[in-house]
Amino acid sequence: MKWRRMPLGPVQTNAYIVWNEKLDCLIIDPGSEPHKIFAFVNEYKLKPVAVLLTHAHYDHIGAVDDVRNKWEIPVYIHKKEKDWLVDPLLNLSARTPFSDEIVLQKADEIITGEGDLHIGPFKMKVFETPGHSPGSVSYYFEEEQLVLSGDALFEGSIGRTDLPGGNHELLIKSIHDKLLVLPEETLVLSGHGSETTIQQEMDTNPFLNGY
């Protein structure tokens, strides 16, 4: 499986496109600038299957409806944030100067808990990793040894917890219980910044040392 990181929008939120040898693809966190996503998909002749959301803050969802409607594909979100797509106060777009108010269609598929998730040819595990937001999830592709961590874990940092619904202690617990237990060579694709590995964050992340 191949993947591409696409920093989009005013705060450079990472959208990801992952695809297989048959060119089926998943689009994760399309936060802004849908034309860039369209151009990449068209250039590589990919066939979108679904949109996955790690959480529903404004910078991760701004292009959701553009992507969903172009290819008529379902959108997946955790149940704790299923109402956030339609509410600019909950998704914070009404509270920031970086975005117009975002009111989207409801998600097509609701993730109700942890476990295996099969979407077309793709097989992954869903981990609940709250703390940055109540419904934050990470998507783990075991065979490919990569995890999409959203805004839970970054290279050398962790997600902010001063936003509504944030909880620092819970985030630290999520990272330790769900992410740092993965094989050390696992590649971490974060919601902002560069990719990293579980081993690198165990060894060098100052927010995790001492816990």
N, C-alpha and C. Protein backbone atom coordinates (compact mmCIF):
# COMPACT_ATOMS: atom_id res chain seq x y z
N MET A 1 0.85 -1.19 0.00
CA MET A 1 0.00 0.00 0.00
C MET A 1 0.88 1.24 0.00
N LYS A 2 0.50 2.21 -0.81
CA LYS A 2 1.23 3.47 -0.89
C LYS A 2 0.42 4.57 -0.21
N TRP A 3 1.09 5.67 0.11
CA TRP A 3 0.39 6.77 0.75
C TRP A 3 1.05 8.09 0.38
N ARG A 4 0.27 9.15 0.51
CA ARG A 4 0.77 10.50 0.26
C ARG A 4 0.23 11.45 1.32
N ARG A 5 1.10 12.24 1.89
CA ARG A 5 0.72 13.28 2.84
C ARG A 5 0.52 14.58 2.09
N MET A 6 -0.61 15.28 2.36
CA MET A 6 -0.92 16.52 1.68
C MET A 6 -1.27 17.59 2.71
N PRO A 7 -0.31 18.45 3.08
CA PRO A 7 -0.64 19.56 4.00
C PRO A 7 -1.54 20.57 3.29
N LEU A 8 -2.70 20.84 3.91
CA LEU A 8 -3.71 21.68 3.26
C LEU A 8 -4.19 22.79 4.19
N GLY A 9 -4.54 23.92 3.60
CA GLY A 9 -5.22 24.96 4.35
C GLY A 9 -4.29 25.85 5.16
N PRO A 10 -4.88 26.84 5.85
CA PRO A 10 -4.09 27.86 6.54
C PRO A 10 -3.25 27.33 7.69
N VAL A 11 -3.65 26.21 8.30
CA VAL A 11 -2.84 25.65 9.38
C VAL A 11 -2.13 24.37 8.95
N GLN A 12 -2.10 24.12 7.64
CA GLN A 12 -1.35 23.02 7.06
C GLN A 12 -1.68 21.67 7.73
N THR A 13 -2.96 21.38 7.75
CA THR A 13 -3.42 20.10 8.27
C THR A 13 -3.15 19.01 7.25
N ASN A 14 -2.64 17.89 7.70
CA ASN A 14 -2.31 16.80 6.79
C ASN A 14 -3.55 16.00 6.41
N ALA A 15 -3.86 16.00 5.13
CA ALA A 15 -4.77 14.99 4.58
C ALA A 15 -3.88 13.86 4.06
N TYR A 16 -4.41 12.65 4.08
CA TYR A 16 -3.66 11.51 3.56
C TYR A 16 -4.50 10.77 2.53
N ILE A 17 -3.82 10.30 1.51
CA ILE A 17 -4.43 9.39 0.55
C ILE A 17 -3.62 8.11 0.57
N VAL A 18 -4.29 7.00 0.83
CA VAL A 18 -3.62 5.69 0.83
C VAL A 18 -4.28 4.84 -0.24
N TRP A 19 -3.45 4.06 -0.98
CA TRP A 19 -4.02 3.28 -2.06
C TRP A 19 -3.29 1.95 -2.22
N ASN A 20 -4.00 1.02 -2.86
CA ASN A 20 -3.45 -0.32 -3.07
C ASN A 20 -3.01 -0.50 -4.52
N GLU A 21 -2.59 -1.72 -4.84
CA GLU A 21 -2.06 -1.99 -6.18
C GLU A 21 -3.13 -1.90 -7.26
N LYS A 22 -4.41 -2.02 -6.85
CA LYS A 22 -5.50 -1.89 -7.81
C LYS A 22 -5.99 -0.46 -7.94
N LEU A 23 -5.32 0.45 -7.23
CA LEU A 23 -5.58 1.89 -7.28
C LEU A 23 -6.85 2.31 -6.52
N ASP A 24 -7.43 1.40 -5.72
CA ASP A 24 -8.47 1.82 -4.80
C ASP A 24 -7.82 2.70 -3.73
N CYS A 25 -8.53 3.73 -3.26
CA CYS A 25 -7.90 4.61 -2.27
C CYS A 25 -8.89 5.07 -1.20
N LEU A 26 -8.32 5.39 -0.06
CA LEU A 26 -9.03 6.03 1.04
C LEU A 26 -8.49 7.44 1.18
N ILE A 27 -9.37 8.36 1.53
CA ILE A 27 -8.98 9.75 1.75
C ILE A 27 -9.24 10.06 3.22
N ILE A 28 -8.19 10.44 3.93
CA ILE A 28 -8.28 10.66 5.37
C ILE A 28 -8.12 12.14 5.68
N ASP A 29 -9.08 12.69 6.41
CA ASP A 29 -9.04 14.08 6.89
C ASP A 29 -8.84 15.11 5.77
N PRO A 30 -9.76 15.16 4.81
CA PRO A 30 -9.66 16.20 3.78
C PRO A 30 -10.10 17.55 4.34
N GLY A 31 -9.13 18.31 4.82
CA GLY A 31 -9.46 19.50 5.60
C GLY A 31 -9.72 20.76 4.80
N SER A 32 -9.19 20.85 3.58
CA SER A 32 -9.29 22.10 2.82
C SER A 32 -8.78 21.83 1.40
N GLU A 33 -8.86 22.86 0.56
CA GLU A 33 -8.30 22.83 -0.78
C GLU A 33 -8.62 21.54 -1.55
N PRO A 34 -9.89 21.26 -1.78
CA PRO A 34 -10.27 20.01 -2.45
C PRO A 34 -9.67 19.87 -3.84
N HIS A 35 -9.39 20.99 -4.50
CA HIS A 35 -8.83 20.89 -5.86
C HIS A 35 -7.49 20.16 -5.87
N LYS A 36 -6.73 20.29 -4.79
CA LYS A 36 -5.44 19.59 -4.71
C LYS A 36 -5.65 18.08 -4.58
N ILE A 37 -6.67 17.70 -3.81
CA ILE A 37 -7.00 16.29 -3.68
C ILE A 37 -7.48 15.74 -5.01
N PHE A 38 -8.37 16.48 -5.67
CA PHE A 38 -8.88 16.05 -6.97
C PHE A 38 -7.74 15.84 -7.96
N ALA A 39 -6.81 16.80 -7.98
CA ALA A 39 -5.72 16.74 -8.95
C ALA A 39 -4.84 15.52 -8.71
N PHE A 40 -4.56 15.22 -7.44
CA PHE A 40 -3.71 14.06 -7.14
C PHE A 40 -4.41 12.76 -7.53
N VAL A 41 -5.67 12.64 -7.15
CA VAL A 41 -6.42 11.43 -7.47
C VAL A 41 -6.49 11.22 -8.98
N ASN A 42 -6.72 12.29 -9.70
CA ASN A 42 -6.81 12.18 -11.16
C ASN A 42 -5.46 11.84 -11.78
N GLU A 43 -4.40 12.46 -11.26
CA GLU A 43 -3.07 12.22 -11.82
C GLU A 43 -2.67 10.75 -11.69
N TYR A 44 -3.00 10.15 -10.56
CA TYR A 44 -2.58 8.76 -10.32
C TYR A 44 -3.69 7.76 -10.68
N LYS A 45 -4.79 8.29 -11.23
CA LYS A 45 -5.90 7.44 -11.67
C LYS A 45 -6.44 6.55 -10.54
N LEU A 46 -6.57 7.15 -9.35
CA LEU A 46 -7.04 6.43 -8.19
C LEU A 46 -8.57 6.36 -8.17
N LYS A 47 -9.08 5.39 -7.41
CA LYS A 47 -10.52 5.18 -7.30
C LYS A 47 -10.93 5.29 -5.83
N PRO A 48 -11.40 6.46 -5.41
CA PRO A 48 -11.76 6.66 -4.00
C PRO A 48 -12.88 5.72 -3.55
N VAL A 49 -12.71 5.19 -2.34
CA VAL A 49 -13.66 4.25 -1.76
C VAL A 49 -14.42 4.87 -0.58
N ALA A 50 -13.72 5.70 0.21
CA ALA A 50 -14.35 6.29 1.40
C ALA A 50 -13.49 7.44 1.92
N VAL A 51 -14.14 8.25 2.76
CA VAL A 51 -13.46 9.29 3.54
C VAL A 51 -13.44 8.85 5.00
N LEU A 52 -12.26 8.84 5.61
CA LEU A 52 -12.14 8.53 7.02
C LEU A 52 -11.74 9.79 7.78
N LEU A 53 -12.37 10.02 8.92
CA LEU A 53 -12.03 11.17 9.75
C LEU A 53 -11.44 10.70 11.07
N THR A 54 -10.29 11.27 11.42
CA THR A 54 -9.73 10.96 12.74
C THR A 54 -10.46 11.72 13.83
N HIS A 55 -10.98 12.89 13.49
CA HIS A 55 -11.83 13.67 14.40
C HIS A 55 -12.43 14.80 13.57
N ALA A 56 -13.27 15.62 14.20
CA ALA A 56 -14.07 16.56 13.41
C ALA A 56 -13.81 18.02 13.73
N HIS A 57 -12.57 18.38 14.04
CA HIS A 57 -12.24 19.80 14.11
C HIS A 57 -12.22 20.39 12.70
N TYR A 58 -12.49 21.69 12.62
CA TYR A 58 -12.71 22.35 11.33
C TYR A 58 -11.58 22.12 10.33
N ASP A 59 -10.34 22.08 10.81
CA ASP A 59 -9.21 21.99 9.88
C ASP A 59 -9.03 20.61 9.30
N HIS A 60 -9.81 19.64 9.78
CA HIS A 60 -9.75 18.27 9.26
C HIS A 60 -10.96 17.92 8.38
N ILE A 61 -11.96 18.80 8.30
CA ILE A 61 -13.21 18.42 7.64
C ILE A 61 -13.66 19.37 6.54
N GLY A 62 -12.93 20.44 6.29
CA GLY A 62 -13.43 21.49 5.41
C GLY A 62 -13.78 21.05 4.00
N ALA A 63 -13.08 20.03 3.50
CA ALA A 63 -13.33 19.58 2.12
C ALA A 63 -14.11 18.26 2.07
N VAL A 64 -14.69 17.85 3.19
CA VAL A 64 -15.37 16.56 3.25
C VAL A 64 -16.49 16.45 2.21
N ASP A 65 -17.37 17.44 2.17
CA ASP A 65 -18.50 17.33 1.25
C ASP A 65 -18.07 17.42 -0.21
N ASP A 66 -17.05 18.22 -0.50
CA ASP A 66 -16.54 18.29 -1.87
C ASP A 66 -16.05 16.91 -2.33
N VAL A 67 -15.31 16.25 -1.45
CA VAL A 67 -14.76 14.93 -1.79
C VAL A 67 -15.87 13.89 -1.85
N ARG A 68 -16.73 13.89 -0.84
CA ARG A 68 -17.81 12.91 -0.79
C ARG A 68 -18.72 13.03 -2.02
N ASN A 69 -19.08 14.24 -2.37
CA ASN A 69 -20.02 14.43 -3.47
C ASN A 69 -19.40 14.16 -4.83
N LYS A 70 -18.11 14.43 -4.97
CA LYS A 70 -17.48 14.21 -6.28
C LYS A 70 -17.48 12.74 -6.63
N TRP A 71 -17.19 11.89 -5.65
CA TRP A 71 -17.07 10.46 -5.95
C TRP A 71 -18.19 9.62 -5.34
N GLU A 72 -19.13 10.26 -4.69
CA GLU A 72 -20.27 9.57 -4.08
C GLU A 72 -19.80 8.43 -3.18
N ILE A 73 -18.98 8.80 -2.21
CA ILE A 73 -18.39 7.82 -1.29
C ILE A 73 -18.81 8.15 0.14
N PRO A 74 -18.83 7.16 1.03
CA PRO A 74 -19.27 7.39 2.40
C PRO A 74 -18.20 8.04 3.26
N VAL A 75 -18.66 8.73 4.30
CA VAL A 75 -17.79 9.38 5.28
C VAL A 75 -17.95 8.65 6.61
N TYR A 76 -16.82 8.32 7.23
CA TYR A 76 -16.79 7.61 8.51
C TYR A 76 -16.32 8.53 9.62
N ILE A 77 -17.04 8.48 10.76
CA ILE A 77 -16.64 9.28 11.93
C ILE A 77 -17.06 8.55 13.19
N HIS A 78 -16.38 8.84 14.30
CA HIS A 78 -16.74 8.23 15.58
C HIS A 78 -18.05 8.81 16.10
N LYS A 79 -18.80 7.99 16.80
CA LYS A 79 -20.13 8.37 17.28
C LYS A 79 -20.10 9.60 18.19
N LYS A 80 -19.02 9.81 18.93
CA LYS A 80 -18.96 10.94 19.86
C LYS A 80 -18.85 12.28 19.15
N GLU A 81 -18.54 12.24 17.85
CA GLU A 81 -18.45 13.49 17.10
C GLU A 81 -19.35 13.49 15.87
N LYS A 82 -20.36 12.64 15.88
CA LYS A 82 -21.23 12.55 14.71
C LYS A 82 -22.02 13.83 14.47
N ASP A 83 -22.24 14.62 15.51
CA ASP A 83 -22.98 15.88 15.34
C ASP A 83 -22.07 17.05 15.00
N TRP A 84 -20.79 16.84 15.07
CA TRP A 84 -19.86 17.96 14.87
C TRP A 84 -19.83 18.45 13.42
N LEU A 85 -20.08 17.55 12.48
CA LEU A 85 -20.02 17.96 11.08
C LEU A 85 -21.07 19.01 10.74
N VAL A 86 -22.18 18.98 11.44
CA VAL A 86 -23.29 19.88 11.12
C VAL A 86 -23.33 21.10 12.04
N ASP A 87 -22.41 21.20 12.98
CA ASP A 87 -22.47 22.26 13.99
C ASP A 87 -21.15 23.03 14.03
N PRO A 88 -21.12 24.28 13.54
CA PRO A 88 -19.86 25.04 13.50
C PRO A 88 -19.33 25.42 14.87
N LEU A 89 -20.17 25.38 15.90
CA LEU A 89 -19.66 25.60 17.25
C LEU A 89 -18.88 24.39 17.74
N LEU A 90 -19.40 23.20 17.47
CA LEU A 90 -18.72 21.99 17.90
C LEU A 90 -17.44 21.75 17.10
N ASN A 91 -17.49 21.96 15.78
CA ASN A 91 -16.27 21.72 14.97
C ASN A 91 -15.30 22.89 15.01
N LEU A 92 -15.66 23.93 15.78
CA LEU A 92 -14.80 25.08 16.07
C LEU A 92 -14.63 26.05 14.91
N SER A 93 -15.29 25.80 13.78
CA SER A 93 -15.14 26.74 12.66
C SER A 93 -15.76 28.10 12.98
N ALA A 94 -16.72 28.13 13.91
CA ALA A 94 -17.34 29.39 14.31
C ALA A 94 -16.49 30.16 15.32
N ARG A 95 -15.41 29.52 15.78
CA ARG A 95 -14.61 30.11 16.85
C ARG A 95 -13.21 30.52 16.39
N THR A 96 -12.94 30.39 15.10
CA THR A 96 -11.58 30.65 14.64
C THR A 96 -11.56 31.63 13.47
N PRO A 97 -10.53 32.45 13.37
CA PRO A 97 -10.41 33.34 12.22
C PRO A 97 -9.88 32.64 10.98
N PHE A 98 -9.50 31.37 11.11
CA PHE A 98 -8.89 30.66 9.98
C PHE A 98 -9.91 29.98 9.08
N SER A 99 -11.20 30.06 9.41
CA SER A 99 -12.18 29.32 8.63
C SER A 99 -13.52 30.03 8.62
N ASP A 100 -14.24 29.90 7.51
CA ASP A 100 -15.66 30.24 7.50
C ASP A 100 -16.39 29.17 8.30
N GLU A 101 -17.62 29.45 8.67
CA GLU A 101 -18.39 28.45 9.40
C GLU A 101 -18.64 27.24 8.51
N ILE A 102 -18.38 26.07 9.04
CA ILE A 102 -18.51 24.82 8.29
C ILE A 102 -19.74 24.07 8.76
N VAL A 103 -20.68 23.86 7.84
CA VAL A 103 -21.87 23.05 8.10
C VAL A 103 -21.94 22.01 6.99
N LEU A 104 -21.73 20.76 7.33
CA LEU A 104 -21.66 19.69 6.35
C LEU A 104 -22.86 18.76 6.46
N GLN A 105 -22.96 17.85 5.51
CA GLN A 105 -23.92 16.77 5.63
C GLN A 105 -23.48 15.84 6.76
N LYS A 106 -24.42 15.09 7.31
CA LYS A 106 -24.09 14.13 8.34
C LYS A 106 -23.20 13.02 7.77
N ALA A 107 -22.44 12.39 8.65
CA ALA A 107 -21.61 11.26 8.22
C ALA A 107 -22.50 10.10 7.76
N ASP A 108 -21.99 9.32 6.84
CA ASP A 108 -22.73 8.16 6.32
C ASP A 108 -22.57 6.94 7.20
N GLU A 109 -21.40 6.81 7.83
CA GLU A 109 -21.10 5.64 8.64
C GLU A 109 -20.56 6.08 9.99
N ILE A 110 -21.10 5.50 11.05
CA ILE A 110 -20.72 5.87 12.41
C ILE A 110 -19.87 4.75 13.02
N ILE A 111 -18.70 5.11 13.49
CA ILE A 111 -17.83 4.17 14.19
C ILE A 111 -18.27 4.14 15.64
N THR A 112 -18.70 2.99 16.11
CA THR A 112 -19.29 2.89 17.44
C THR A 112 -18.30 2.43 18.50
N GLY A 113 -17.14 1.98 18.11
CA GLY A 113 -16.15 1.52 19.08
C GLY A 113 -14.91 1.02 18.39
N GLU A 114 -14.04 0.40 19.17
CA GLU A 114 -12.81 -0.12 18.62
C GLU A 114 -13.03 -1.45 17.92
N GLY A 115 -12.05 -1.82 17.11
CA GLY A 115 -12.13 -3.13 16.47
C GLY A 115 -11.74 -3.08 15.02
N ASP A 116 -11.97 -4.19 14.33
CA ASP A 116 -11.63 -4.29 12.92
C ASP A 116 -12.61 -3.49 12.07
N LEU A 117 -12.09 -2.85 11.05
CA LEU A 117 -12.91 -2.09 10.11
C LEU A 117 -12.52 -2.51 8.70
N HIS A 118 -13.50 -2.93 7.93
CA HIS A 118 -13.28 -3.34 6.54
C HIS A 118 -14.06 -2.39 5.64
N ILE A 119 -13.35 -1.78 4.73
CA ILE A 119 -13.97 -0.87 3.76
C ILE A 119 -13.47 -1.28 2.38
N GLY A 120 -14.34 -1.87 1.58
CA GLY A 120 -13.90 -2.37 0.28
C GLY A 120 -12.74 -3.32 0.48
N PRO A 121 -11.62 -3.10 -0.21
CA PRO A 121 -10.48 -4.00 -0.08
C PRO A 121 -9.57 -3.69 1.11
N PHE A 122 -9.90 -2.66 1.86
CA PHE A 122 -9.01 -2.22 2.94
C PHE A 122 -9.43 -2.81 4.28
N LYS A 123 -8.43 -3.26 5.03
CA LYS A 123 -8.65 -3.82 6.35
C LYS A 123 -7.77 -3.08 7.34
N MET A 124 -8.37 -2.60 8.43
CA MET A 124 -7.63 -1.83 9.42
C MET A 124 -8.24 -2.05 10.79
N LYS A 125 -7.55 -1.57 11.81
CA LYS A 125 -8.09 -1.56 13.17
C LYS A 125 -8.35 -0.12 13.58
N VAL A 126 -9.44 0.09 14.30
CA VAL A 126 -9.77 1.40 14.84
C VAL A 126 -9.41 1.41 16.32
N PHE A 127 -8.61 2.41 16.73
CA PHE A 127 -8.32 2.63 18.14
C PHE A 127 -8.98 3.93 18.58
N GLU A 128 -9.69 3.91 19.68
CA GLU A 128 -10.18 5.14 20.27
C GLU A 128 -9.04 5.81 21.00
N THR A 129 -8.69 7.03 20.58
CA THR A 129 -7.56 7.76 21.18
C THR A 129 -8.00 9.16 21.59
N PRO A 130 -8.98 9.27 22.50
CA PRO A 130 -9.49 10.58 22.91
C PRO A 130 -8.48 11.35 23.76
N GLY A 131 -8.75 12.61 23.92
CA GLY A 131 -7.90 13.49 24.70
C GLY A 131 -7.74 14.83 24.00
N HIS A 132 -7.39 14.77 22.71
CA HIS A 132 -7.42 16.00 21.90
C HIS A 132 -8.86 16.41 21.65
N SER A 133 -9.69 15.43 21.37
CA SER A 133 -11.14 15.61 21.27
C SER A 133 -11.80 14.31 21.72
N PRO A 134 -13.08 14.35 22.08
CA PRO A 134 -13.71 13.16 22.66
C PRO A 134 -13.82 11.97 21.72
N GLY A 135 -13.97 12.24 20.41
CA GLY A 135 -14.16 11.16 19.46
C GLY A 135 -12.97 10.89 18.57
N SER A 136 -11.79 11.30 19.02
CA SER A 136 -10.59 11.06 18.22
C SER A 136 -10.31 9.57 18.08
N VAL A 137 -9.99 9.15 16.88
CA VAL A 137 -9.61 7.75 16.63
C VAL A 137 -8.33 7.72 15.82
N SER A 138 -7.65 6.57 15.90
CA SER A 138 -6.48 6.30 15.06
C SER A 138 -6.79 5.05 14.23
N TYR A 139 -6.29 5.04 13.00
CA TYR A 139 -6.51 3.93 12.09
C TYR A 139 -5.18 3.19 11.88
N TYR A 140 -5.15 1.92 12.24
CA TYR A 140 -3.93 1.12 12.22
C TYR A 140 -4.00 0.06 11.13
N PHE A 141 -3.05 0.13 10.19
CA PHE A 141 -2.92 -0.86 9.14
C PHE A 141 -1.78 -1.80 9.54
N GLU A 142 -2.15 -2.94 10.11
CA GLU A 142 -1.15 -3.81 10.72
C GLU A 142 -0.17 -4.37 9.70
N GLU A 143 -0.66 -4.85 8.59
CA GLU A 143 0.23 -5.45 7.60
C GLU A 143 1.21 -4.43 7.04
N GLU A 144 0.75 -3.19 6.88
CA GLU A 144 1.61 -2.15 6.31
C GLU A 144 2.44 -1.45 7.38
N GLN A 145 2.17 -1.75 8.65
CA GLN A 145 2.89 -1.16 9.78
C GLN A 145 2.84 0.36 9.77
N LEU A 146 1.62 0.87 9.66
CA LEU A 146 1.46 2.32 9.78
C LEU A 146 0.16 2.62 10.51
N VAL A 147 0.17 3.76 11.21
CA VAL A 147 -1.00 4.20 11.94
C VAL A 147 -1.23 5.68 11.65
N LEU A 148 -2.47 6.02 11.36
CA LEU A 148 -2.86 7.41 11.17
C LEU A 148 -3.40 7.91 12.50
N SER A 149 -2.65 8.79 13.15
CA SER A 149 -2.93 9.14 14.54
C SER A 149 -3.72 10.43 14.71
N GLY A 150 -4.08 11.09 13.61
CA GLY A 150 -4.80 12.35 13.75
C GLY A 150 -3.99 13.34 14.56
N ASP A 151 -4.66 14.03 15.50
CA ASP A 151 -3.97 15.01 16.33
C ASP A 151 -3.67 14.47 17.72
N ALA A 152 -3.55 13.14 17.83
CA ALA A 152 -3.15 12.56 19.12
C ALA A 152 -1.64 12.66 19.32
N LEU A 153 -0.89 12.15 18.36
CA LEU A 153 0.56 12.05 18.49
C LEU A 153 1.23 12.67 17.27
N PHE A 154 2.20 13.54 17.54
CA PHE A 154 2.99 14.18 16.49
C PHE A 154 4.46 13.84 16.67
N GLU A 155 5.25 14.18 15.65
CA GLU A 155 6.69 14.08 15.80
C GLU A 155 7.15 15.05 16.88
N GLY A 156 7.59 14.53 18.01
CA GLY A 156 8.11 15.35 19.09
C GLY A 156 7.07 16.10 19.89
N SER A 157 5.80 15.78 19.70
CA SER A 157 4.76 16.54 20.39
C SER A 157 3.50 15.69 20.51
N ILE A 158 2.47 16.29 21.13
CA ILE A 158 1.16 15.66 21.23
C ILE A 158 0.10 16.71 20.90
N GLY A 159 -1.14 16.26 20.75
CA GLY A 159 -2.22 17.17 20.43
C GLY A 159 -2.51 18.15 21.56
N ARG A 160 -3.00 19.32 21.20
CA ARG A 160 -3.37 20.29 22.23
C ARG A 160 -4.64 19.80 22.94
N THR A 161 -4.77 20.18 24.19
CA THR A 161 -5.91 19.71 25.00
C THR A 161 -6.65 20.86 25.66
N ASP A 162 -6.41 22.08 25.18
CA ASP A 162 -7.07 23.25 25.77
C ASP A 162 -8.34 23.63 25.01
N LEU A 163 -8.72 22.85 24.02
CA LEU A 163 -9.95 23.11 23.28
C LEU A 163 -11.12 22.41 23.98
N PRO A 164 -12.35 22.80 23.67
CA PRO A 164 -13.51 22.14 24.31
C PRO A 164 -13.47 20.63 24.12
N GLY A 165 -13.64 19.89 25.20
CA GLY A 165 -13.61 18.44 25.14
C GLY A 165 -12.22 17.85 25.27
N GLY A 166 -11.20 18.69 25.38
CA GLY A 166 -9.84 18.20 25.52
C GLY A 166 -9.54 17.76 26.94
N ASN A 167 -8.61 16.82 27.08
CA ASN A 167 -8.26 16.29 28.39
C ASN A 167 -6.83 15.76 28.32
N HIS A 168 -5.90 16.45 28.97
CA HIS A 168 -4.49 16.11 28.84
C HIS A 168 -4.18 14.72 29.39
N GLU A 169 -4.68 14.42 30.57
CA GLU A 169 -4.39 13.11 31.17
C GLU A 169 -4.94 11.99 30.31
N LEU A 170 -6.13 12.20 29.75
CA LEU A 170 -6.74 11.18 28.90
C LEU A 170 -5.94 11.00 27.62
N LEU A 171 -5.41 12.07 27.07
CA LEU A 171 -4.61 11.97 25.85
C LEU A 171 -3.33 11.18 26.11
N ILE A 172 -2.67 11.49 27.20
CA ILE A 172 -1.45 10.75 27.54
C ILE A 172 -1.77 9.26 27.69
N LYS A 173 -2.87 8.96 28.35
CA LYS A 173 -3.27 7.56 28.52
C LYS A 173 -3.57 6.91 27.18
N SER A 174 -4.27 7.63 26.30
CA SER A 174 -4.57 7.10 24.97
C SER A 174 -3.30 6.75 24.21
N ILE A 175 -2.34 7.66 24.25
CA ILE A 175 -1.09 7.44 23.51
C ILE A 175 -0.35 6.23 24.05
N HIS A 176 -0.27 6.13 25.38
CA HIS A 176 0.48 5.02 25.98
C HIS A 176 -0.24 3.69 25.81
N ASP A 177 -1.55 3.69 25.98
CA ASP A 177 -2.30 2.43 25.96
C ASP A 177 -2.58 1.92 24.55
N LYS A 178 -2.70 2.83 23.57
CA LYS A 178 -3.13 2.42 22.24
C LYS A 178 -2.05 2.54 21.17
N LEU A 179 -1.15 3.51 21.31
CA LEU A 179 -0.17 3.75 20.25
C LEU A 179 1.22 3.24 20.59
N LEU A 180 1.71 3.53 21.78
CA LEU A 180 3.07 3.13 22.11
C LEU A 180 3.23 1.63 22.30
N VAL A 181 2.11 0.91 22.36
CA VAL A 181 2.17 -0.56 22.44
C VAL A 181 2.32 -1.19 21.06
N LEU A 182 2.23 -0.41 20.00
CA LEU A 182 2.41 -0.93 18.65
C LEU A 182 3.89 -1.25 18.41
N PRO A 183 4.19 -2.09 17.43
CA PRO A 183 5.59 -2.38 17.13
C PRO A 183 6.39 -1.09 16.92
N GLU A 184 7.61 -1.09 17.42
CA GLU A 184 8.41 0.14 17.41
C GLU A 184 8.65 0.68 16.01
N GLU A 185 8.66 -0.20 15.01
CA GLU A 185 8.92 0.26 13.64
C GLU A 185 7.68 0.85 12.97
N THR A 186 6.55 0.84 13.66
CA THR A 186 5.31 1.37 13.07
C THR A 186 5.47 2.83 12.68
N LEU A 187 5.09 3.16 11.46
CA LEU A 187 5.13 4.52 10.96
C LEU A 187 3.91 5.27 11.45
N VAL A 188 4.11 6.46 11.99
CA VAL A 188 3.03 7.29 12.50
C VAL A 188 2.79 8.44 11.53
N LEU A 189 1.59 8.47 10.96
CA LEU A 189 1.19 9.56 10.06
C LEU A 189 0.29 10.49 10.86
N SER A 190 0.80 11.67 11.17
CA SER A 190 0.13 12.58 12.08
C SER A 190 -0.70 13.63 11.36
N GLY A 191 -1.56 14.28 12.12
CA GLY A 191 -2.44 15.29 11.56
C GLY A 191 -1.76 16.59 11.18
N HIS A 192 -0.57 16.81 11.72
CA HIS A 192 0.24 17.99 11.39
C HIS A 192 1.70 17.58 11.44
N GLY A 193 2.51 18.18 10.60
CA GLY A 193 3.94 17.92 10.64
C GLY A 193 4.33 16.65 9.90
N SER A 194 5.56 16.22 10.12
CA SER A 194 6.13 15.10 9.39
C SER A 194 5.76 13.76 10.02
N GLU A 195 5.96 12.71 9.26
CA GLU A 195 5.76 11.38 9.80
C GLU A 195 6.87 11.06 10.80
N THR A 196 6.60 10.09 11.66
CA THR A 196 7.57 9.66 12.65
C THR A 196 7.38 8.16 12.86
N THR A 197 8.02 7.61 13.87
CA THR A 197 7.82 6.20 14.21
C THR A 197 7.52 6.08 15.70
N ILE A 198 6.94 4.96 16.08
CA ILE A 198 6.67 4.71 17.49
C ILE A 198 7.97 4.72 18.29
N GLN A 199 9.00 4.09 17.74
CA GLN A 199 10.27 4.06 18.46
C GLN A 199 10.83 5.46 18.68
N GLN A 200 10.77 6.29 17.65
CA GLN A 200 11.30 7.65 17.79
C GLN A 200 10.57 8.42 18.89
N GLU A 201 9.26 8.27 18.94
CA GLU A 201 8.50 9.01 19.94
C GLU A 201 8.72 8.44 21.34
N MET A 202 8.88 7.14 21.46
CA MET A 202 9.19 6.55 22.76
C MET A 202 10.54 7.06 23.27
N ASP A 203 11.47 7.25 22.35
CA ASP A 203 12.83 7.63 22.74
C ASP A 203 13.01 9.13 22.95
N THR A 204 12.28 9.95 22.19
CA THR A 204 12.63 11.37 22.15
C THR A 204 11.50 12.34 22.45
N ASN A 205 10.25 11.90 22.48
CA ASN A 205 9.14 12.84 22.65
C ASN A 205 9.12 13.36 24.09
N PRO A 206 9.35 14.66 24.30
CA PRO A 206 9.46 15.19 25.67
C PRO A 206 8.14 15.13 26.44
N PHE A 207 7.02 15.06 25.73
CA PHE A 207 5.72 15.01 26.41
C PHE A 207 5.41 13.62 26.95
N LEU A 208 6.16 12.63 26.50
CA LEU A 208 5.89 11.25 26.91
C LEU A 208 6.94 10.73 27.88
N ASN A 209 8.06 11.38 27.95
CA ASN A 209 9.11 10.93 28.86
C ASN A 209 8.66 11.12 30.30
N GLY A 210 8.92 10.13 31.12
CA GLY A 210 8.58 10.24 32.53
C GLY A 210 7.24 9.70 32.90
N TYR A 211 6.46 9.27 31.88
CA TYR A 211 5.14 8.71 32.19
C TYR A 211 5.22 7.19 32.21
